[in-house]
Amino acid sequence: MRILITNDDGIGAPGLATLHEIACNVAGADGEVWTVAPAFEQSGVGHCINYIKPSMISKLEARRFALEGSPADCVLAGLGYLVDGPVDLVLSGVNRGNNAGENTVYSGTVGAAMEAALQGVRGIALSQFYGPGNVDLDDPFEAAATHGAACVTRLMEDAPWGGDDYKLFYNVNFPPVAAGKVRGLAAVAQGYRGDGRMGVSPQTAPSGREYLWIRGSAQGETTQDGTDVRANLDGWVSVTPMRCDLTCRAALGDLQGVLDDYG
């Protein structure tokens, strides 16, 4: 098996080292793991692609590259140029912090798995929820490191991946607990915190110029039963099937009723 890994925290992020170990376990002794990750942190860029400017590539060692671009750019570079042969799986992460609830929409980690799916390759985004149960551990990524390979293997071997057009990809979040307290895997929907909106904090520099910091929301708020944040805070690894089709089909009938008498 040939696996491409990337992230949005950057080539030097500790979560990428955890992901490399996960990928090596999944690929097996005869497999290959290729790394193409952003040269600098790209958190919050979503599914951004840099098609109006070139991206510099730096080869750090065999099968390991840094790209001055987004996570989705890294997937495109790996699949289209850098990786020597067809890729069986793209893994993105392990993100420092959760990509559940509203965070999913902003996540560069999820954006990379999304791009893999658009390219017809299986993609899985992996993120490690941070909280009181794991933030002070010697390895805050312990839950992901311990359970990641088994989760990925289960999805690769048994989960649905089909679709005639937009292929499925998966968003996985590991709970904010020690590895021994993980309760299992849960198939859940994307949740809605309600207060998960981004905001802005204006600041004035000594020069008098005004700047804005983009700020997030509290991450400890839960979501509805059967959704990702609730599962994570209850100790479960959340697994959410996704696809790039953003259509709300439930609204199409009502919308057509609104539009029927136009003109």
C-alpha atoms as a PDB file:
ATOM      1  CA  MET A   1       0.000   0.000   0.000  1.00  0.00           C
ATOM      2  CA  ARG A   2       1.223   3.489  -0.858  1.00  0.00           C
ATOM      3  CA  ILE A   3       0.038   6.234   1.522  1.00  0.00           C
ATOM      4  CA  LEU A   4       0.409  10.004   1.207  1.00  0.00           C
ATOM      5  CA  ILE A   5       0.286  11.989   4.446  1.00  0.00           C
ATOM      6  CA  THR A   6      -0.105  15.712   5.024  1.00  0.00           C
ATOM      7  CA  ASN A   7      -1.483  18.139   7.631  1.00  0.00           C
ATOM      8  CA  ASP A   8      -2.287  21.791   8.236  1.00  0.00           C
ATOM      9  CA  ASP A   9      -0.071  22.334  11.298  1.00  0.00           C
ATOM     10  CA  GLY A  10       3.087  22.281   9.186  1.00  0.00           C
ATOM     11  CA  ILE A  11       5.936  19.927   8.359  1.00  0.00           C
ATOM     12  CA  GLY A  12       7.471  20.160  11.856  1.00  0.00           C
ATOM     13  CA  ALA A  13       4.279  19.522  13.833  1.00  0.00           C
ATOM     14  CA  PRO A  14       4.349  16.662  16.381  1.00  0.00           C
ATOM     15  CA  GLY A  15       0.994  15.396  15.138  1.00  0.00           C
ATOM     16  CA  LEU A  16       2.544  14.712  11.733  1.00  0.00           C
ATOM     17  CA  ALA A  17       5.103  12.438  13.383  1.00  0.00           C
ATOM     18  CA  THR A  18       2.221  10.579  15.048  1.00  0.00           C
ATOM     19  CA  LEU A  19       0.483  10.298  11.679  1.00  0.00           C
ATOM     20  CA  HIS A  20       3.645   8.917  10.076  1.00  0.00           C
ATOM     21  CA  GLU A  21       3.706   6.110  12.642  1.00  0.00           C
ATOM     22  CA  ILE A  22       0.018   5.403  12.024  1.00  0.00           C
ATOM     23  CA  ALA A  23       0.582   5.325   8.263  1.00  0.00           C
ATOM     24  CA  CYS A  24       3.586   3.010   8.557  1.00  0.00           C
ATOM     25  CA  ASN A  25       1.513   0.563  10.607  1.00  0.00           C
ATOM     26  CA  VAL A  26      -1.312   0.657   8.058  1.00  0.00           C
ATOM     27  CA  ALA A  27       0.983   0.384   5.014  1.00  0.00           C
ATOM     28  CA  GLY A  28       2.890  -2.580   6.406  1.00  0.00           C
ATOM     29  CA  ALA A  29       6.474  -3.664   5.859  1.00  0.00           C
ATOM     30  CA  ASP A  30       6.109  -3.709   2.075  1.00  0.00           C
ATOM     31  CA  GLY A  31       4.275  -0.391   1.857  1.00  0.00           C
ATOM     32  CA  GLU A  32       5.396   3.179   1.289  1.00  0.00           C
ATOM     33  CA  VAL A  33       4.618   6.340   3.216  1.00  0.00           C
ATOM     34  CA  TRP A  34       5.171   9.667   1.467  1.00  0.00           C
ATOM     35  CA  THR A  35       4.982  13.025   3.263  1.00  0.00           C
ATOM     36  CA  VAL A  36       4.049  16.268   1.515  1.00  0.00           C
ATOM     37  CA  ALA A  37       3.158  18.868   4.140  1.00  0.00           C
ATOM     38  CA  PRO A  38       2.969  22.665   4.329  1.00  0.00           C
ATOM     39  CA  ALA A  39       6.264  24.418   4.982  1.00  0.00           C
ATOM     40  CA  PHE A  40       4.417  26.712   7.406  1.00  0.00           C
ATOM     41  CA  GLU A  41       1.270  26.354   9.488  1.00  0.00           C
ATOM     42  CA  GLN A  42      -1.915  26.489   7.429  1.00  0.00           C
ATOM     43  CA  SER A  43      -4.587  26.030  10.095  1.00  0.00           C
ATOM     44  CA  GLY A  44      -8.011  27.338   9.164  1.00  0.00           C
ATOM     45  CA  VAL A  45      -7.462  27.501   5.406  1.00  0.00           C
ATOM     46  CA  GLY A  46     -10.166  24.933   4.669  1.00  0.00           C
ATOM     47  CA  HIS A  47     -10.070  23.611   1.117  1.00  0.00           C
ATOM     48  CA  CYS A  48      -8.013  26.534  -0.190  1.00  0.00           C
ATOM     49  CA  ILE A  49      -5.879  25.949  -3.285  1.00  0.00           C
ATOM     50  CA  ASN A  50      -3.232  28.392  -4.484  1.00  0.00           C
ATOM     51  CA  TYR A  51      -3.883  28.447  -8.218  1.00  0.00           C
ATOM     52  CA  ILE A  52      -2.869  32.110  -8.738  1.00  0.00           C
ATOM     53  CA  LYS A  53       0.740  31.719  -7.549  1.00  0.00           C
ATOM     54  CA  PRO A  54       3.369  28.966  -7.655  1.00  0.00           C
ATOM     55  CA  SER A  55       4.354  26.916  -4.605  1.00  0.00           C
ATOM     56  CA  MET A  56       8.015  26.186  -3.845  1.00  0.00           C
ATOM     57  CA  ILE A  57       8.892  22.549  -3.100  1.00  0.00           C
ATOM     58  CA  SER A  58      11.706  21.534  -0.726  1.00  0.00           C
ATOM     59  CA  LYS A  59      12.875  17.916  -0.597  1.00  0.00           C
ATOM     60  CA  LEU A  60      13.894  17.236   2.998  1.00  0.00           C
ATOM     61  CA  GLU A  61      14.748  13.560   2.605  1.00  0.00           C
ATOM     62  CA  ALA A  62      13.549  10.527   0.682  1.00  0.00           C
ATOM     63  CA  ARG A  63       9.743  10.583   0.387  1.00  0.00           C
ATOM     64  CA  ARG A  64       9.497  13.729   2.530  1.00  0.00           C
ATOM     65  CA  PHE A  65       8.708  17.166   1.091  1.00  0.00           C
ATOM     66  CA  ALA A  66       7.700  20.612   2.364  1.00  0.00           C
ATOM     67  CA  LEU A  67       5.495  22.723   0.127  1.00  0.00           C
ATOM     68  CA  GLU A  68       4.794  26.435   0.447  1.00  0.00           C
ATOM     69  CA  GLY A  69       1.082  25.940   0.061  1.00  0.00           C
ATOM     70  CA  SER A  70      -2.124  24.705   1.641  1.00  0.00           C
ATOM     71  CA  PRO A  71      -2.946  21.114   2.665  1.00  0.00           C
ATOM     72  CA  ALA A  72      -5.045  20.691  -0.482  1.00  0.00           C
ATOM     73  CA  ASP A  73      -2.066  21.966  -2.514  1.00  0.00           C
ATOM     74  CA  CYS A  74       0.063  19.308  -0.830  1.00  0.00           C
ATOM     75  CA  VAL A  75      -2.362  16.594  -1.887  1.00  0.00           C
ATOM     76  CA  LEU A  76      -2.364  17.866  -5.462  1.00  0.00           C
ATOM     77  CA  ALA A  77       1.443  18.045  -5.490  1.00  0.00           C
ATOM     78  CA  GLY A  78       1.796  14.562  -4.069  1.00  0.00           C
ATOM     79  CA  LEU A  79      -0.749  12.876  -6.332  1.00  0.00           C
ATOM     80  CA  GLY A  80       0.155  14.791  -9.461  1.00  0.00           C
ATOM     81  CA  TYR A  81       3.925  15.086  -9.277  1.00  0.00           C
ATOM     82  CA  LEU A  82       5.930  14.034  -6.226  1.00  0.00           C
ATOM     83  CA  VAL A  83       4.797  10.524  -5.295  1.00  0.00           C
ATOM     84  CA  ASP A  84       6.344   7.804  -7.422  1.00  0.00           C
ATOM     85  CA  GLY A  85       3.290   5.770  -8.385  1.00  0.00           C
ATOM     86  CA  PRO A  86      -0.442   5.594  -7.655  1.00  0.00           C
ATOM     87  CA  VAL A  87      -1.601   6.423  -4.112  1.00  0.00           C
ATOM     88  CA  ASP A  88      -4.015   4.130  -2.292  1.00  0.00           C
ATOM     89  CA  LEU A  89      -4.839   6.410   0.641  1.00  0.00           C
ATOM     90  CA  VAL A  90      -4.367  10.015   1.774  1.00  0.00           C
ATOM     91  CA  LEU A  91      -4.186  10.643   5.523  1.00  0.00           C
ATOM     92  CA  SER A  92      -4.302  14.185   6.912  1.00  0.00           C
ATOM     93  CA  GLY A  93      -3.362  15.189  10.476  1.00  0.00           C
ATOM     94  CA  VAL A  94      -3.047  14.341  13.212  1.00  0.00           C
ATOM     95  CA  ASN A  95      -4.381  17.821  13.891  1.00  0.00           C
ATOM     96  CA  ARG A  96      -3.590  19.514  17.205  1.00  0.00           C
ATOM     97  CA  GLY A  97      -7.139  20.141  18.368  1.00  0.00           C
ATOM     98  CA  ASN A  98     -10.532  18.926  17.218  1.00  0.00           C
ATOM     99  CA  ASN A  99     -12.034  19.354  13.782  1.00  0.00           C
ATOM    100  CA  ALA A 100     -15.578  18.582  14.879  1.00  0.00           C
ATOM    101  CA  GLY A 101     -18.747  20.668  14.776  1.00  0.00           C
ATOM    102  CA  GLU A 102     -18.319  24.004  13.040  1.00  0.00           C
ATOM    103  CA  ASN A 103     -14.539  23.559  13.049  1.00  0.00           C
ATOM    104  CA  THR A 104     -14.963  21.046  10.246  1.00  0.00           C
ATOM    105  CA  VAL A 105     -15.858  23.777   7.769  1.00  0.00           C
ATOM    106  CA  TYR A 106     -12.680  25.778   8.431  1.00  0.00           C
ATOM    107  CA  SER A 107     -10.270  22.863   8.731  1.00  0.00           C
ATOM    108  CA  GLY A 108      -7.294  22.542   6.413  1.00  0.00           C
ATOM    109  CA  THR A 109      -6.935  18.999   7.721  1.00  0.00           C
ATOM    110  CA  VAL A 110     -10.391  18.136   6.417  1.00  0.00           C
ATOM    111  CA  GLY A 111      -9.683  20.132   3.245  1.00  0.00           C
ATOM    112  CA  ALA A 112      -6.837  17.766   2.376  1.00  0.00           C
ATOM    113  CA  ALA A 113      -9.054  14.676   2.725  1.00  0.00           C
ATOM    114  CA  MET A 114     -11.690  16.469   0.657  1.00  0.00           C
ATOM    115  CA  GLU A 115      -9.182  17.087  -2.138  1.00  0.00           C
ATOM    116  CA  ALA A 116      -8.161  13.427  -2.073  1.00  0.00           C
ATOM    117  CA  ALA A 117     -11.800  12.440  -2.586  1.00  0.00           C
ATOM    118  CA  LEU A 118     -12.152  14.886  -5.468  1.00  0.00           C
ATOM    119  CA  GLN A 119      -9.112  13.246  -7.048  1.00  0.00           C
ATOM    120  CA  GLY A 120     -10.685   9.811  -6.703  1.00  0.00           C
ATOM    121  CA  VAL A 121      -8.401   8.674  -3.861  1.00  0.00           C
ATOM    122  CA  ARG A 122      -9.552   7.524  -0.435  1.00  0.00           C
ATOM    123  CA  GLY A 123      -9.007  10.246   2.161  1.00  0.00           C
ATOM    124  CA  ILE A 124      -9.241  10.354   5.949  1.00  0.00           C
ATOM    125  CA  ALA A 125      -8.757  13.410   8.185  1.00  0.00           C
ATOM    126  CA  LEU A 126      -7.574  12.681  11.735  1.00  0.00           C
ATOM    127  CA  SER A 127      -7.640  15.151  14.624  1.00  0.00           C
ATOM    128  CA  GLN A 128      -6.852  14.948  18.332  1.00  0.00           C
ATOM    129  CA  PHE A 129      -9.313  16.734  20.612  1.00  0.00           C
ATOM    130  CA  TYR A 130      -7.522  18.595  23.424  1.00  0.00           C
ATOM    131  CA  GLY A 131      -9.029  18.835  26.903  1.00  0.00           C
ATOM    132  CA  PRO A 132      -8.344  18.352  30.620  1.00  0.00           C
ATOM    133  CA  GLY A 133      -8.117  14.586  30.154  1.00  0.00           C
ATOM    134  CA  ASN A 134      -5.118  14.651  27.838  1.00  0.00           C
ATOM    135  CA  VAL A 135      -3.545  18.098  27.605  1.00  0.00           C
ATOM    136  CA  ASP A 136      -1.114  17.373  30.467  1.00  0.00           C
ATOM    137  CA  LEU A 137      -0.145  13.876  29.333  1.00  0.00           C
ATOM    138  CA  ASP A 138       3.446  13.258  28.262  1.00  0.00           C
ATOM    139  CA  ASP A 139       1.966  12.695  24.802  1.00  0.00           C
ATOM    140  CA  PRO A 140      -1.333  14.545  24.230  1.00  0.00           C
ATOM    141  CA  PHE A 141      -1.688  12.553  20.992  1.00  0.00           C
ATOM    142  CA  GLU A 142      -1.747   9.273  22.937  1.00  0.00           C
ATOM    143  CA  ALA A 143      -5.316   8.362  21.967  1.00  0.00           C
ATOM    144  CA  ALA A 144      -4.633   8.959  18.277  1.00  0.00           C
ATOM    145  CA  ALA A 145      -1.298   7.151  18.379  1.00  0.00           C
ATOM    146  CA  THR A 146      -2.790   4.100  20.078  1.00  0.00           C
ATOM    147  CA  HIS A 147      -6.061   3.781  18.177  1.00  0.00           C
ATOM    148  CA  GLY A 148      -5.308   5.495  14.853  1.00  0.00           C
ATOM    149  CA  ALA A 149      -3.949   2.577  12.851  1.00  0.00           C
ATOM    150  CA  ALA A 150      -6.776   0.240  13.851  1.00  0.00           C
ATOM    151  CA  CYS A 151      -9.380   2.881  13.013  1.00  0.00           C
ATOM    152  CA  VAL A 152      -7.858   3.598   9.596  1.00  0.00           C
ATOM    153  CA  THR A 153      -7.511  -0.113   8.797  1.00  0.00           C
ATOM    154  CA  ARG A 154     -11.148  -0.746   9.742  1.00  0.00           C
ATOM    155  CA  LEU A 155     -12.285   2.053   7.446  1.00  0.00           C
ATOM    156  CA  MET A 156     -10.070   0.909   4.580  1.00  0.00           C
ATOM    157  CA  GLU A 157     -11.213  -2.699   4.785  1.00  0.00           C
ATOM    158  CA  ASP A 158     -14.894  -2.435   5.672  1.00  0.00           C
ATOM    159  CA  ALA A 159     -16.312   1.090   5.338  1.00  0.00           C
ATOM    160  CA  PRO A 160     -18.261   2.331   2.292  1.00  0.00           C
ATOM    161  CA  TRP A 161     -16.233   4.458  -0.110  1.00  0.00           C
ATOM    162  CA  GLY A 162     -18.476   4.517  -3.164  1.00  0.00           C
ATOM    163  CA  GLY A 163     -20.367   7.086  -5.126  1.00  0.00           C
ATOM    164  CA  ASP A 164     -20.724   7.609  -8.840  1.00  0.00           C
ATOM    165  CA  ASP A 165     -19.682  11.230  -8.608  1.00  0.00           C
ATOM    166  CA  TYR A 166     -18.583  12.749  -5.288  1.00  0.00           C
ATOM    167  CA  LYS A 167     -16.687  10.064  -3.367  1.00  0.00           C
ATOM    168  CA  LEU A 168     -16.921   9.601   0.380  1.00  0.00           C
ATOM    169  CA  PHE A 169     -14.146  10.668   2.708  1.00  0.00           C
ATOM    170  CA  TYR A 170     -13.970  10.417   6.494  1.00  0.00           C
ATOM    171  CA  ASN A 171     -13.462  12.873   9.326  1.00  0.00           C
ATOM    172  CA  VAL A 172     -12.080  11.192  12.465  1.00  0.00           C
ATOM    173  CA  ASN A 173     -11.685  12.921  15.846  1.00  0.00           C
ATOM    174  CA  PHE A 174      -9.996  11.238  18.802  1.00  0.00           C
ATOM    175  CA  PRO A 175     -11.415  12.096  22.234  1.00  0.00           C
ATOM    176  CA  PRO A 176      -9.598  14.251  24.821  1.00  0.00           C
ATOM    177  CA  VAL A 177      -8.741  11.308  27.072  1.00  0.00           C
ATOM    178  CA  ALA A 178      -5.849   8.944  27.697  1.00  0.00           C
ATOM    179  CA  ALA A 179      -5.651   6.032  25.276  1.00  0.00           C
ATOM    180  CA  GLY A 180      -6.851   3.547  27.888  1.00  0.00           C
ATOM    181  CA  LYS A 181     -10.077   5.480  28.417  1.00  0.00           C
ATOM    182  CA  VAL A 182     -11.184   5.463  24.768  1.00  0.00           C
ATOM    183  CA  ARG A 183     -14.554   3.703  24.650  1.00  0.00           C
ATOM    184  CA  GLY A 184     -14.544   2.709  20.983  1.00  0.00           C
ATOM    185  CA  LEU A 185     -15.487   3.997  17.529  1.00  0.00           C
ATOM    186  CA  ALA A 186     -18.783   5.792  16.867  1.00  0.00           C
ATOM    187  CA  ALA A 187     -20.360   6.611  13.499  1.00  0.00           C
ATOM    188  CA  VAL A 188     -21.846  10.078  14.012  1.00  0.00           C
ATOM    189  CA  ALA A 189     -22.957  13.172  12.144  1.00  0.00           C
ATOM    190  CA  GLN A 190     -21.260  16.548  12.168  1.00  0.00           C
ATOM    191  CA  GLY A 191     -22.503  18.451  15.189  1.00  0.00           C
ATOM    192  CA  TYR A 192     -23.513  22.053  15.814  1.00  0.00           C
ATOM    193  CA  ARG A 193     -22.230  23.799  18.926  1.00  0.00           C
ATOM    194  CA  GLY A 194     -24.378  26.854  18.349  1.00  0.00           C
ATOM    195  CA  ASP A 195     -21.746  29.249  19.643  1.00  0.00           C
ATOM    196  CA  GLY A 196     -19.021  27.918  17.358  1.00  0.00           C
ATOM    197  CA  ARG A 197     -18.847  31.001  15.194  1.00  0.00           C
ATOM    198  CA  MET A 198     -15.557  32.707  14.480  1.00  0.00           C
ATOM    199  CA  GLY A 199     -15.197  36.331  15.575  1.00  0.00           C
ATOM    200  CA  VAL A 200     -12.773  39.224  15.453  1.00  0.00           C
ATOM    201  CA  SER A 201     -10.749  41.104  18.059  1.00  0.00           C
ATOM    202  CA  PRO A 202      -9.556  44.538  16.910  1.00  0.00           C
ATOM    203  CA  GLN A 203      -6.254  45.880  18.222  1.00  0.00           C
ATOM    204  CA  THR A 204      -4.394  49.126  17.707  1.00  0.00           C
ATOM    205  CA  ALA A 205      -0.629  48.995  17.164  1.00  0.00           C
ATOM    206  CA  PRO A 206       1.747  51.598  18.705  1.00  0.00           C
ATOM    207  CA  SER A 207       1.928  53.155  15.237  1.00  0.00           C
ATOM    208  CA  GLY A 208      -1.803  53.815  15.373  1.00  0.00           C
ATOM    209  CA  ARG A 209      -2.636  51.266  12.712  1.00  0.00           C
ATOM    210  CA  GLU A 210      -5.583  48.983  13.379  1.00  0.00           C
ATOM    211  CA  TYR A 211      -5.356  45.182  13.112  1.00  0.00           C
ATOM    212  CA  LEU A 212      -7.780  42.316  13.546  1.00  0.00           C
ATOM    213  CA  TRP A 213      -7.168  38.948  15.167  1.00  0.00           C
ATOM    214  CA  ILE A 214      -9.549  36.199  14.109  1.00  0.00           C
ATOM    215  CA  ARG A 215     -10.676  34.332  17.216  1.00  0.00           C
ATOM    216  CA  GLY A 216     -12.417  31.029  17.716  1.00  0.00           C
ATOM    217  CA  SER A 217     -15.009  29.911  20.223  1.00  0.00           C
ATOM    218  CA  ALA A 218     -14.980  27.767  23.345  1.00  0.00           C
ATOM    219  CA  GLN A 219     -14.179  24.162  22.463  1.00  0.00           C
ATOM    220  CA  GLY A 220     -15.703  22.501  25.513  1.00  0.00           C
ATOM    221  CA  GLU A 221     -19.314  23.074  24.469  1.00  0.00           C
ATOM    222  CA  THR A 222     -21.053  19.892  23.410  1.00  0.00           C
ATOM    223  CA  THR A 223     -23.375  19.101  20.505  1.00  0.00           C
ATOM    224  CA  GLN A 224     -26.498  17.004  19.987  1.00  0.00           C
ATOM    225  CA  ASP A 225     -26.715  13.272  20.663  1.00  0.00           C
ATOM    226  CA  GLY A 226     -25.361  11.251  17.769  1.00  0.00           C
ATOM    227  CA  THR A 227     -22.883  13.920  16.685  1.00  0.00           C
ATOM    228  CA  ASP A 228     -19.128  14.325  16.767  1.00  0.00           C
ATOM    229  CA  VAL A 229     -18.370  16.674  19.681  1.00  0.00           C
ATOM    230  CA  ARG A 230     -20.787  14.850  22.002  1.00  0.00           C
ATOM    231  CA  ALA A 231     -19.181  11.515  21.113  1.00  0.00           C
ATOM    232  CA  ASN A 232     -15.670  12.898  21.701  1.00  0.00           C
ATOM    233  CA  LEU A 233     -16.521  14.431  25.070  1.00  0.00           C
ATOM    234  CA  ASP A 234     -18.076  11.095  26.056  1.00  0.00           C
ATOM    235  CA  GLY A 235     -14.817   9.294  25.249  1.00  0.00           C
ATOM    236  CA  TRP A 236     -15.575   7.926  21.774  1.00  0.00           C
ATOM    237  CA  VAL A 237     -13.579   8.252  18.559  1.00  0.00           C
ATOM    238  CA  SER A 238     -15.992  10.006  16.218  1.00  0.00           C
ATOM    239  CA  VAL A 239     -16.089   8.843  12.589  1.00  0.00           C
ATOM    240  CA  THR A 240     -18.119  11.001  10.212  1.00  0.00           C
ATOM    241  CA  PRO A 241     -18.674  10.101   6.536  1.00  0.00           C
ATOM    242  CA  MET A 242     -18.597  13.158   4.280  1.00  0.00           C
ATOM    243  CA  ARG A 243     -18.685  14.122   0.617  1.00  0.00           C
ATOM    244  CA  CYS A 244     -18.058  17.327  -1.270  1.00  0.00           C
ATOM    245  CA  ASP A 245     -21.632  17.747  -2.501  1.00  0.00           C
ATOM    246  CA  LEU A 246     -22.962  20.654  -0.402  1.00  0.00           C
ATOM    247  CA  THR A 247     -26.511  20.508  -1.752  1.00  0.00           C
ATOM    248  CA  CYS A 248     -29.301  20.546   0.849  1.00  0.00           C
ATOM    249  CA  ARG A 249     -31.682  18.185  -0.937  1.00  0.00           C
ATOM    250  CA  ALA A 250     -34.331  18.501   1.771  1.00  0.00           C
ATOM    251  CA  ALA A 251     -34.835  22.140   0.738  1.00  0.00           C
ATOM    252  CA  LEU A 252     -35.082  21.594  -3.026  1.00  0.00           C
ATOM    253  CA  GLY A 253     -38.827  20.935  -3.119  1.00  0.00           C
ATOM    254  CA  ASP A 254     -39.747  23.975  -1.033  1.00  0.00           C
ATOM    255  CA  LEU A 255     -37.336  26.105  -3.042  1.00  0.00           C
ATOM    256  CA  GLN A 256     -38.915  25.066  -6.315  1.00  0.00           C
ATOM    257  CA  GLY A 257     -42.293  26.045  -4.915  1.00  0.00           C
ATOM    258  CA  VAL A 258     -40.904  29.511  -4.248  1.00  0.00           C
ATOM    259  CA  LEU A 259     -39.465  29.767  -7.758  1.00  0.00           C
ATOM    260  CA  ASP A 260     -42.291  28.222  -9.817  1.00  0.00           C
ATOM    261  CA  ASP A 261     -44.253  31.380 -10.513  1.00  0.00           C
ATOM    262  CA  TYR A 262     -41.208  33.527 -11.356  1.00  0.00           C
ATOM    263  CA  GLY A 263     -41.797  35.580 -14.473  1.00  0.00           C
END
